[in-house]
Amino acid sequence: MAFRSRNDVLAGRGGVAYRTLPAGCSLGLLLLRMMLGVIMMAHGTQKLFGWWDGPGLDGTAKFFQLYGYPAPRAMAVVAGLSETLGGAGLFLGFLTPLAAAAVLGTMINALGVTWEGGFLLPKGVEFTLLVAVGAAALALTGPGEFAVDRFVPGLRGHRLAYGVAAIALACVVGAVFLLVRT
């Protein structure tokens, strides 16, 4: 017997077009989304506004210039907005595949420029890898039951294709930004 959600029954759908996750899974996804979202919003606002002892736009632009990116100030804005808005989207579970793509694309660039630092902190990639994999996992699983996406008709029932497309988008955009470095 297939499990059908309350929404399937109320909508009179005959097939299983939409499944409700067990509460534990949705709570786990909520915790992951919220923590990853808060971390990314904090990192993004450090870049954009210098909050929490961050470098601000000028300092972030110097970083991008140091690593050979063209238009370093524009890159600082793109990175800061990707982290801030992507983090907010993950926190709320709003446009989750797109939010995850924004975070993942930024992390791909971070990995590309810090890979030589080894695995462990202070210069390693362990934190960046964890954030990247967390974003990719959320793109694939969807946001769970406790998310704004539940009220967006096209995203109500998460589709794996959205997650795969989000990861592909992040990889392509991340790679393009890495390739334009001098």
N, C-alpha and C. Protein backbone atom coordinates (compact mmCIF):
# COMPACT_ATOMS: atom_id res chain seq x y z
N MET A 1 0.83 -1.18 0.00
CA MET A 1 0.00 0.00 0.00
C MET A 1 0.88 1.24 0.00
N ALA A 2 0.64 2.12 -0.92
CA ALA A 2 1.44 3.34 -1.03
C ALA A 2 0.97 4.36 -0.01
N PHE A 3 1.92 5.07 0.56
CA PHE A 3 1.59 6.12 1.52
C PHE A 3 1.22 7.38 0.76
N ARG A 4 0.06 7.92 1.05
CA ARG A 4 -0.37 9.17 0.41
C ARG A 4 -0.51 10.24 1.49
N SER A 5 -0.12 11.43 1.12
CA SER A 5 -0.21 12.53 2.08
C SER A 5 -1.64 13.02 2.20
N ARG A 6 -1.87 13.82 3.22
CA ARG A 6 -3.16 14.45 3.42
C ARG A 6 -3.51 15.30 2.20
N ASN A 7 -2.52 15.92 1.58
CA ASN A 7 -2.77 16.76 0.40
C ASN A 7 -3.28 15.93 -0.77
N ASP A 8 -2.76 14.71 -0.93
CA ASP A 8 -3.24 13.84 -2.00
C ASP A 8 -4.71 13.50 -1.79
N VAL A 9 -5.04 13.18 -0.57
CA VAL A 9 -6.41 12.80 -0.26
C VAL A 9 -7.34 13.99 -0.45
N LEU A 10 -6.94 15.16 0.06
CA LEU A 10 -7.79 16.35 -0.05
C LEU A 10 -7.95 16.79 -1.50
N ALA A 11 -6.91 16.63 -2.30
CA ALA A 11 -6.97 17.06 -3.69
C ALA A 11 -7.64 16.02 -4.57
N GLY A 12 -7.89 14.84 -4.03
CA GLY A 12 -8.56 13.80 -4.79
C GLY A 12 -7.65 13.16 -5.83
N ARG A 13 -6.37 13.20 -5.62
CA ARG A 13 -5.44 12.59 -6.57
C ARG A 13 -5.47 11.08 -6.40
N GLY A 14 -5.51 10.39 -7.50
CA GLY A 14 -5.54 8.94 -7.43
C GLY A 14 -4.17 8.33 -7.21
N GLY A 15 -3.15 8.85 -7.87
CA GLY A 15 -1.81 8.29 -7.76
C GLY A 15 -1.02 8.96 -6.66
N VAL A 16 0.15 8.46 -6.44
CA VAL A 16 1.03 9.05 -5.43
C VAL A 16 1.92 10.06 -6.15
N ALA A 17 1.43 11.28 -6.24
CA ALA A 17 2.18 12.34 -6.90
C ALA A 17 3.01 13.11 -5.89
N TYR A 18 2.71 12.93 -4.62
CA TYR A 18 3.36 13.74 -3.61
C TYR A 18 3.39 12.96 -2.31
N ARG A 19 4.54 12.90 -1.69
CA ARG A 19 4.67 12.15 -0.45
C ARG A 19 5.10 13.06 0.68
N THR A 20 4.59 12.79 1.83
CA THR A 20 4.98 13.52 3.02
C THR A 20 6.11 12.75 3.69
N LEU A 21 7.18 13.45 4.01
CA LEU A 21 8.30 12.81 4.69
C LEU A 21 7.94 12.52 6.14
N PRO A 22 8.54 11.50 6.72
CA PRO A 22 8.37 11.31 8.16
C PRO A 22 8.85 12.56 8.90
N ALA A 23 8.23 12.85 10.04
CA ALA A 23 8.53 14.07 10.78
C ALA A 23 10.01 14.18 11.12
N GLY A 24 10.65 13.08 11.47
CA GLY A 24 12.07 13.11 11.81
C GLY A 24 12.94 13.57 10.66
N CYS A 25 12.61 13.12 9.45
CA CYS A 25 13.38 13.55 8.28
C CYS A 25 13.19 15.04 8.02
N SER A 26 11.98 15.51 8.12
CA SER A 26 11.72 16.93 7.90
C SER A 26 12.38 17.79 8.96
N LEU A 27 12.39 17.32 10.20
CA LEU A 27 13.06 18.08 11.25
C LEU A 27 14.57 18.11 11.02
N GLY A 28 15.13 16.99 10.59
CA GLY A 28 16.56 16.95 10.28
C GLY A 28 16.91 17.90 9.14
N LEU A 29 16.09 17.91 8.09
CA LEU A 29 16.33 18.83 6.98
C LEU A 29 16.17 20.28 7.42
N LEU A 30 15.20 20.54 8.30
CA LEU A 30 15.01 21.89 8.83
C LEU A 30 16.26 22.35 9.59
N LEU A 31 16.79 21.50 10.45
CA LEU A 31 18.00 21.86 11.19
C LEU A 31 19.17 22.12 10.25
N LEU A 32 19.36 21.24 9.28
CA LEU A 32 20.46 21.42 8.32
C LEU A 32 20.28 22.72 7.53
N ARG A 33 19.07 22.94 7.02
CA ARG A 33 18.79 24.16 6.25
C ARG A 33 19.03 25.41 7.06
N MET A 34 18.51 25.43 8.28
CA MET A 34 18.61 26.64 9.09
C MET A 34 20.06 26.93 9.48
N MET A 35 20.80 25.92 9.88
CA MET A 35 22.19 26.17 10.29
C MET A 35 23.04 26.57 9.10
N LEU A 36 22.91 25.85 7.99
CA LEU A 36 23.67 26.20 6.79
C LEU A 36 23.27 27.59 6.31
N GLY A 37 21.99 27.90 6.39
CA GLY A 37 21.51 29.22 5.98
C GLY A 37 22.09 30.33 6.83
N VAL A 38 22.09 30.16 8.15
CA VAL A 38 22.65 31.18 9.05
C VAL A 38 24.14 31.37 8.78
N ILE A 39 24.86 30.26 8.64
CA ILE A 39 26.30 30.35 8.38
C ILE A 39 26.57 31.10 7.08
N MET A 40 25.82 30.77 6.03
CA MET A 40 26.06 31.42 4.74
C MET A 40 25.64 32.89 4.76
N MET A 41 24.54 33.21 5.44
CA MET A 41 24.15 34.62 5.54
C MET A 41 25.22 35.41 6.29
N ALA A 42 25.78 34.83 7.34
CA ALA A 42 26.84 35.51 8.09
C ALA A 42 28.07 35.74 7.20
N HIS A 43 28.47 34.72 6.46
CA HIS A 43 29.64 34.86 5.57
C HIS A 43 29.37 35.89 4.48
N GLY A 44 28.17 35.87 3.93
CA GLY A 44 27.84 36.83 2.87
C GLY A 44 27.82 38.25 3.36
N THR A 45 27.25 38.47 4.55
CA THR A 45 27.21 39.84 5.08
C THR A 45 28.58 40.30 5.54
N GLN A 46 29.46 39.37 5.89
CA GLN A 46 30.86 39.76 6.14
C GLN A 46 31.47 40.35 4.88
N LYS A 47 31.21 39.70 3.76
CA LYS A 47 31.76 40.16 2.49
C LYS A 47 31.13 41.48 2.04
N LEU A 48 29.82 41.58 2.17
CA LEU A 48 29.12 42.76 1.66
C LEU A 48 29.25 43.99 2.56
N PHE A 49 29.12 43.78 3.87
CA PHE A 49 29.00 44.91 4.79
C PHE A 49 30.10 44.99 5.84
N GLY A 50 30.96 43.98 5.91
CA GLY A 50 32.00 43.97 6.93
C GLY A 50 31.49 43.61 8.31
N TRP A 51 30.28 43.07 8.39
CA TRP A 51 29.73 42.68 9.69
C TRP A 51 30.54 41.54 10.29
N TRP A 52 30.49 41.40 11.59
CA TRP A 52 31.17 40.31 12.32
C TRP A 52 32.65 40.23 11.95
N ASP A 53 33.31 41.36 11.96
CA ASP A 53 34.75 41.46 11.67
C ASP A 53 35.09 40.98 10.26
N GLY A 54 34.16 41.09 9.35
CA GLY A 54 34.41 40.69 7.96
C GLY A 54 35.17 41.76 7.20
N PRO A 55 35.65 41.40 6.03
CA PRO A 55 36.47 42.33 5.24
C PRO A 55 35.67 43.42 4.53
N GLY A 56 34.36 43.27 4.40
CA GLY A 56 33.57 44.22 3.63
C GLY A 56 33.87 44.08 2.14
N LEU A 57 33.24 44.92 1.34
CA LEU A 57 33.42 44.83 -0.12
C LEU A 57 34.86 45.11 -0.54
N ASP A 58 35.48 46.12 0.07
CA ASP A 58 36.85 46.45 -0.33
C ASP A 58 37.82 45.31 -0.04
N GLY A 59 37.74 44.76 1.16
CA GLY A 59 38.62 43.65 1.52
C GLY A 59 38.35 42.40 0.69
N THR A 60 37.08 42.13 0.44
CA THR A 60 36.73 40.97 -0.38
C THR A 60 37.20 41.17 -1.82
N ALA A 61 37.08 42.39 -2.33
CA ALA A 61 37.57 42.69 -3.68
C ALA A 61 39.07 42.48 -3.77
N LYS A 62 39.81 42.85 -2.73
CA LYS A 62 41.27 42.62 -2.71
C LYS A 62 41.58 41.13 -2.77
N PHE A 63 40.78 40.33 -2.07
CA PHE A 63 40.95 38.88 -2.10
C PHE A 63 40.76 38.35 -3.53
N PHE A 64 39.69 38.79 -4.18
CA PHE A 64 39.43 38.33 -5.55
C PHE A 64 40.53 38.81 -6.50
N GLN A 65 41.04 40.01 -6.28
CA GLN A 65 42.13 40.52 -7.11
C GLN A 65 43.39 39.68 -6.90
N LEU A 66 43.68 39.34 -5.65
CA LEU A 66 44.85 38.52 -5.32
C LEU A 66 44.81 37.17 -6.04
N TYR A 67 43.62 36.61 -6.19
CA TYR A 67 43.48 35.31 -6.84
C TYR A 67 43.21 35.41 -8.34
N GLY A 68 43.37 36.59 -8.92
CA GLY A 68 43.34 36.75 -10.36
C GLY A 68 41.98 36.84 -11.01
N TYR A 69 40.95 37.16 -10.25
CA TYR A 69 39.62 37.31 -10.84
C TYR A 69 39.51 38.66 -11.52
N PRO A 70 38.87 38.71 -12.70
CA PRO A 70 38.61 40.01 -13.32
C PRO A 70 37.49 40.72 -12.55
N ALA A 71 37.45 42.02 -12.63
CA ALA A 71 36.42 42.83 -11.96
C ALA A 71 36.24 42.38 -10.51
N PRO A 72 37.28 42.53 -9.70
CA PRO A 72 37.22 41.97 -8.34
C PRO A 72 36.09 42.53 -7.48
N ARG A 73 35.75 43.78 -7.65
CA ARG A 73 34.65 44.33 -6.83
C ARG A 73 33.31 43.69 -7.23
N ALA A 74 33.11 43.52 -8.53
CA ALA A 74 31.88 42.86 -8.99
C ALA A 74 31.84 41.41 -8.48
N MET A 75 32.98 40.76 -8.49
CA MET A 75 33.04 39.38 -7.98
C MET A 75 32.72 39.34 -6.49
N ALA A 76 33.19 40.35 -5.76
CA ALA A 76 32.89 40.42 -4.32
C ALA A 76 31.39 40.57 -4.09
N VAL A 77 30.75 41.39 -4.91
CA VAL A 77 29.30 41.58 -4.80
C VAL A 77 28.57 40.28 -5.14
N VAL A 78 28.98 39.62 -6.22
CA VAL A 78 28.34 38.36 -6.62
C VAL A 78 28.50 37.31 -5.53
N ALA A 79 29.71 37.17 -5.00
CA ALA A 79 29.94 36.18 -3.95
C ALA A 79 29.14 36.51 -2.69
N GLY A 80 29.16 37.77 -2.29
CA GLY A 80 28.42 38.18 -1.09
C GLY A 80 26.92 37.98 -1.23
N LEU A 81 26.39 38.36 -2.39
CA LEU A 81 24.95 38.17 -2.63
C LEU A 81 24.59 36.70 -2.73
N SER A 82 25.44 35.91 -3.39
CA SER A 82 25.17 34.47 -3.50
C SER A 82 25.10 33.82 -2.13
N GLU A 83 26.05 34.19 -1.27
CA GLU A 83 26.06 33.61 0.07
C GLU A 83 24.89 34.12 0.91
N THR A 84 24.63 35.43 0.85
CA THR A 84 23.57 36.01 1.68
C THR A 84 22.18 35.55 1.22
N LEU A 85 21.90 35.70 -0.06
CA LEU A 85 20.57 35.32 -0.57
C LEU A 85 20.40 33.80 -0.62
N GLY A 86 21.47 33.09 -1.00
CA GLY A 86 21.41 31.63 -0.98
C GLY A 86 21.18 31.12 0.44
N GLY A 87 21.88 31.71 1.40
CA GLY A 87 21.69 31.34 2.80
C GLY A 87 20.29 31.63 3.29
N ALA A 88 19.75 32.79 2.91
CA ALA A 88 18.38 33.14 3.31
C ALA A 88 17.38 32.16 2.70
N GLY A 89 17.59 31.81 1.42
CA GLY A 89 16.71 30.84 0.77
C GLY A 89 16.75 29.49 1.45
N LEU A 90 17.96 29.04 1.83
CA LEU A 90 18.06 27.76 2.52
C LEU A 90 17.39 27.84 3.90
N PHE A 91 17.64 28.92 4.62
CA PHE A 91 17.05 29.09 5.95
C PHE A 91 15.53 28.99 5.89
N LEU A 92 14.93 29.66 4.92
CA LEU A 92 13.47 29.67 4.80
C LEU A 92 12.92 28.46 4.06
N GLY A 93 13.78 27.75 3.35
CA GLY A 93 13.29 26.69 2.48
C GLY A 93 12.54 27.29 1.31
N PHE A 94 13.04 28.40 0.79
CA PHE A 94 12.40 29.13 -0.31
C PHE A 94 13.26 29.03 -1.56
N LEU A 95 12.67 28.53 -2.64
CA LEU A 95 13.41 28.28 -3.89
C LEU A 95 14.67 27.48 -3.57
N THR A 96 14.49 26.43 -2.82
CA THR A 96 15.60 25.66 -2.27
C THR A 96 16.61 25.19 -3.30
N PRO A 97 16.19 24.64 -4.46
CA PRO A 97 17.22 24.23 -5.42
C PRO A 97 18.09 25.40 -5.89
N LEU A 98 17.47 26.54 -6.14
CA LEU A 98 18.22 27.72 -6.58
C LEU A 98 19.11 28.25 -5.46
N ALA A 99 18.60 28.28 -4.24
CA ALA A 99 19.41 28.73 -3.10
C ALA A 99 20.61 27.81 -2.90
N ALA A 100 20.38 26.51 -3.02
CA ALA A 100 21.48 25.55 -2.89
C ALA A 100 22.50 25.74 -4.00
N ALA A 101 22.04 26.03 -5.21
CA ALA A 101 22.95 26.26 -6.33
C ALA A 101 23.82 27.49 -6.07
N ALA A 102 23.24 28.55 -5.51
CA ALA A 102 24.01 29.76 -5.22
C ALA A 102 25.12 29.47 -4.21
N VAL A 103 24.78 28.73 -3.17
CA VAL A 103 25.77 28.38 -2.14
C VAL A 103 26.82 27.44 -2.72
N LEU A 104 26.39 26.42 -3.44
CA LEU A 104 27.33 25.45 -4.00
C LEU A 104 28.27 26.09 -5.01
N GLY A 105 27.76 26.95 -5.88
CA GLY A 105 28.63 27.62 -6.86
C GLY A 105 29.70 28.45 -6.19
N THR A 106 29.33 29.14 -5.11
CA THR A 106 30.31 29.93 -4.36
C THR A 106 31.35 29.03 -3.71
N MET A 107 30.91 27.90 -3.18
CA MET A 107 31.85 26.97 -2.53
C MET A 107 32.78 26.32 -3.54
N ILE A 108 32.31 26.08 -4.75
CA ILE A 108 33.18 25.53 -5.79
C ILE A 108 34.33 26.49 -6.05
N ASN A 109 34.03 27.79 -6.10
CA ASN A 109 35.09 28.77 -6.27
C ASN A 109 36.02 28.81 -5.07
N ALA A 110 35.46 28.75 -3.88
CA ALA A 110 36.29 28.75 -2.68
C ALA A 110 37.22 27.54 -2.68
N LEU A 111 36.71 26.38 -3.08
CA LEU A 111 37.55 25.19 -3.17
C LEU A 111 38.65 25.37 -4.20
N GLY A 112 38.30 25.98 -5.32
CA GLY A 112 39.28 26.17 -6.39
C GLY A 112 40.46 27.02 -6.01
N VAL A 113 40.24 28.00 -5.14
CA VAL A 113 41.34 28.89 -4.78
C VAL A 113 42.03 28.50 -3.48
N THR A 114 41.46 27.59 -2.71
CA THR A 114 42.08 27.22 -1.43
C THR A 114 42.53 25.76 -1.37
N TRP A 115 42.41 25.05 -2.46
CA TRP A 115 42.71 23.62 -2.46
C TRP A 115 44.13 23.31 -2.00
N GLU A 116 45.08 24.21 -2.32
CA GLU A 116 46.48 23.97 -1.96
C GLU A 116 46.70 24.01 -0.46
N GLY A 117 45.75 24.53 0.30
CA GLY A 117 45.90 24.66 1.74
C GLY A 117 45.76 23.35 2.50
N GLY A 118 45.50 22.26 1.80
CA GLY A 118 45.33 20.98 2.46
C GLY A 118 43.90 20.76 2.90
N PHE A 119 43.71 19.76 3.75
CA PHE A 119 42.36 19.40 4.16
C PHE A 119 41.90 20.12 5.42
N LEU A 120 42.74 20.13 6.45
CA LEU A 120 42.32 20.66 7.74
C LEU A 120 42.55 22.16 7.87
N LEU A 121 41.73 22.79 8.70
CA LEU A 121 41.89 24.21 8.99
C LEU A 121 43.22 24.43 9.70
N PRO A 122 43.82 25.60 9.64
CA PRO A 122 43.21 26.87 9.33
C PRO A 122 43.15 27.21 7.84
N LYS A 123 43.95 26.57 7.00
CA LYS A 123 43.93 26.91 5.57
C LYS A 123 43.32 25.81 4.72
N GLY A 124 42.82 24.77 5.34
CA GLY A 124 42.30 23.63 4.61
C GLY A 124 40.89 23.83 4.08
N VAL A 125 40.42 22.82 3.40
CA VAL A 125 39.14 22.91 2.69
C VAL A 125 38.01 22.16 3.39
N GLU A 126 38.24 21.64 4.59
CA GLU A 126 37.22 20.81 5.24
C GLU A 126 35.90 21.55 5.43
N PHE A 127 35.94 22.78 5.91
CA PHE A 127 34.71 23.55 6.13
C PHE A 127 34.00 23.81 4.80
N THR A 128 34.76 24.22 3.80
CA THR A 128 34.19 24.52 2.49
C THR A 128 33.55 23.28 1.88
N LEU A 129 34.21 22.14 2.01
CA LEU A 129 33.64 20.88 1.51
C LEU A 129 32.34 20.53 2.24
N LEU A 130 32.31 20.73 3.55
CA LEU A 130 31.11 20.43 4.31
C LEU A 130 29.94 21.30 3.86
N VAL A 131 30.18 22.58 3.66
CA VAL A 131 29.13 23.48 3.19
C VAL A 131 28.68 23.08 1.78
N ALA A 132 29.64 22.77 0.90
CA ALA A 132 29.30 22.39 -0.48
C ALA A 132 28.46 21.12 -0.50
N VAL A 133 28.86 20.12 0.26
CA VAL A 133 28.11 18.86 0.28
C VAL A 133 26.74 19.06 0.94
N GLY A 134 26.67 19.89 1.96
CA GLY A 134 25.38 20.19 2.58
C GLY A 134 24.42 20.85 1.60
N ALA A 135 24.93 21.80 0.82
CA ALA A 135 24.09 22.47 -0.19
C ALA A 135 23.65 21.48 -1.26
N ALA A 136 24.57 20.63 -1.72
CA ALA A 136 24.22 19.64 -2.74
C ALA A 136 23.18 18.65 -2.19
N ALA A 137 23.35 18.24 -0.94
CA ALA A 137 22.39 17.31 -0.34
C ALA A 137 20.99 17.94 -0.26
N LEU A 138 20.92 19.21 0.12
CA LEU A 138 19.62 19.88 0.19
C LEU A 138 19.01 20.06 -1.20
N ALA A 139 19.85 20.28 -2.20
CA ALA A 139 19.32 20.37 -3.57
C ALA A 139 18.68 19.04 -3.97
N LEU A 140 19.31 17.94 -3.59
CA LEU A 140 18.80 16.62 -3.97
C LEU A 140 17.60 16.18 -3.14
N THR A 141 17.61 16.47 -1.85
CA THR A 141 16.52 15.99 -0.99
C THR A 141 15.32 16.90 -0.99
N GLY A 142 15.54 18.17 -1.26
CA GLY A 142 14.48 19.15 -1.09
C GLY A 142 14.49 19.66 0.34
N PRO A 143 13.65 20.64 0.64
CA PRO A 143 13.72 21.30 1.94
C PRO A 143 12.99 20.60 3.08
N GLY A 144 12.19 19.59 2.77
CA GLY A 144 11.39 18.95 3.81
C GLY A 144 10.03 19.64 3.95
N GLU A 145 9.28 19.19 4.94
CA GLU A 145 7.90 19.67 5.13
C GLU A 145 7.81 21.09 5.67
N PHE A 146 8.80 21.51 6.45
CA PHE A 146 8.72 22.80 7.13
C PHE A 146 9.47 23.84 6.33
N ALA A 147 8.91 24.23 5.19
CA ALA A 147 9.60 25.13 4.27
C ALA A 147 8.59 25.97 3.50
N VAL A 148 9.02 27.15 3.10
CA VAL A 148 8.18 28.03 2.29
C VAL A 148 7.85 27.36 0.95
N ASP A 149 8.77 26.57 0.43
CA ASP A 149 8.53 25.88 -0.85
C ASP A 149 7.25 25.06 -0.84
N ARG A 150 6.79 24.65 0.32
CA ARG A 150 5.56 23.86 0.43
C ARG A 150 4.35 24.65 -0.05
N PHE A 151 4.50 25.99 -0.12
CA PHE A 151 3.39 26.84 -0.54
C PHE A 151 3.58 27.37 -1.96
N VAL A 152 4.67 26.96 -2.61
CA VAL A 152 4.94 27.37 -4.00
C VAL A 152 4.51 26.21 -4.89
N PRO A 153 3.48 26.41 -5.72
CA PRO A 153 2.91 25.29 -6.48
C PRO A 153 3.93 24.43 -7.23
N GLY A 154 4.86 25.02 -7.92
CA GLY A 154 5.82 24.23 -8.69
C GLY A 154 6.85 23.50 -7.85
N LEU A 155 6.99 23.90 -6.59
CA LEU A 155 8.00 23.29 -5.73
C LEU A 155 7.39 22.50 -4.58
N ARG A 156 6.08 22.42 -4.54
CA ARG A 156 5.38 21.75 -3.44
C ARG A 156 5.86 20.31 -3.29
N GLY A 157 5.90 19.58 -4.36
CA GLY A 157 6.42 18.23 -4.35
C GLY A 157 7.81 18.25 -4.98
N HIS A 158 8.85 18.16 -4.14
CA HIS A 158 10.22 18.27 -4.65
C HIS A 158 10.48 17.21 -5.73
N ARG A 159 11.16 17.62 -6.76
CA ARG A 159 11.52 16.71 -7.84
C ARG A 159 13.03 16.60 -7.89
N LEU A 160 13.51 15.38 -7.98
CA LEU A 160 14.94 15.14 -8.05
C LEU A 160 15.57 15.89 -9.21
N ALA A 161 14.85 16.03 -10.30
CA ALA A 161 15.39 16.74 -11.47
C ALA A 161 15.76 18.17 -11.13
N TYR A 162 15.00 18.82 -10.24
CA TYR A 162 15.34 20.19 -9.83
C TYR A 162 16.69 20.21 -9.11
N GLY A 163 16.89 19.24 -8.25
CA GLY A 163 18.15 19.17 -7.51
C GLY A 163 19.33 18.89 -8.41
N VAL A 164 19.16 17.96 -9.34
CA VAL A 164 20.24 17.65 -10.28
C VAL A 164 20.54 18.87 -11.15
N ALA A 165 19.50 19.55 -11.61
CA ALA A 165 19.71 20.76 -12.42
C ALA A 165 20.41 21.84 -11.61
N ALA A 166 20.06 21.99 -10.34
CA ALA A 166 20.70 22.99 -9.48
C ALA A 166 22.18 22.69 -9.31
N ILE A 167 22.51 21.42 -9.09
CA ILE A 167 23.92 21.05 -8.93
C ILE A 167 24.67 21.27 -10.24
N ALA A 168 24.07 20.92 -11.37
CA ALA A 168 24.71 21.14 -12.67
C ALA A 168 24.93 22.64 -12.90
N LEU A 169 23.94 23.45 -12.60
CA LEU A 169 24.07 24.91 -12.74
C LEU A 169 25.22 25.43 -11.88
N ALA A 170 25.27 25.00 -10.63
CA ALA A 170 26.34 25.45 -9.73
C ALA A 170 27.71 25.04 -10.24
N CYS A 171 27.83 23.82 -10.74
CA CYS A 171 29.12 23.34 -11.26
C CYS A 171 29.55 24.13 -12.49
N VAL A 172 28.62 24.39 -13.40
CA VAL A 172 28.96 25.14 -14.61
C VAL A 172 29.35 26.57 -14.27
N VAL A 173 28.52 27.25 -13.49
CA VAL A 173 28.81 28.65 -13.14
C VAL A 173 30.09 28.73 -12.31
N GLY A 174 30.24 27.83 -11.34
CA GLY A 174 31.46 27.81 -10.54
C GLY A 174 32.70 27.59 -11.38
N ALA A 175 32.62 26.66 -12.33
CA ALA A 175 33.77 26.39 -13.21
C ALA A 175 34.07 27.58 -14.11
N VAL A 176 33.04 28.22 -14.64
CA VAL A 176 33.26 29.39 -15.50
C VAL A 176 33.99 30.48 -14.73
N PHE A 177 33.55 30.75 -13.51
CA PHE A 177 34.22 31.78 -12.71
C PHE A 177 35.66 31.40 -12.39
N LEU A 178 35.92 30.12 -12.17
CA LEU A 178 37.30 29.69 -11.93
C LEU A 178 38.16 29.83 -13.18
N LEU A 179 37.56 29.56 -14.34
CA LEU A 179 38.32 29.60 -15.59
C LEU A 179 38.65 31.02 -16.06
N VAL A 180 37.90 32.02 -15.62
CA VAL A 180 38.18 33.39 -16.06
C VAL A 180 39.30 34.04 -15.27
N ARG A 181 39.79 33.36 -14.26
CA ARG A 181 40.91 33.91 -13.48
C ARG A 181 42.16 33.98 -14.35
N THR A 182 42.99 34.97 -14.05
CA THR A 182 44.25 35.10 -14.82
C THR A 182 45.39 34.47 -14.08
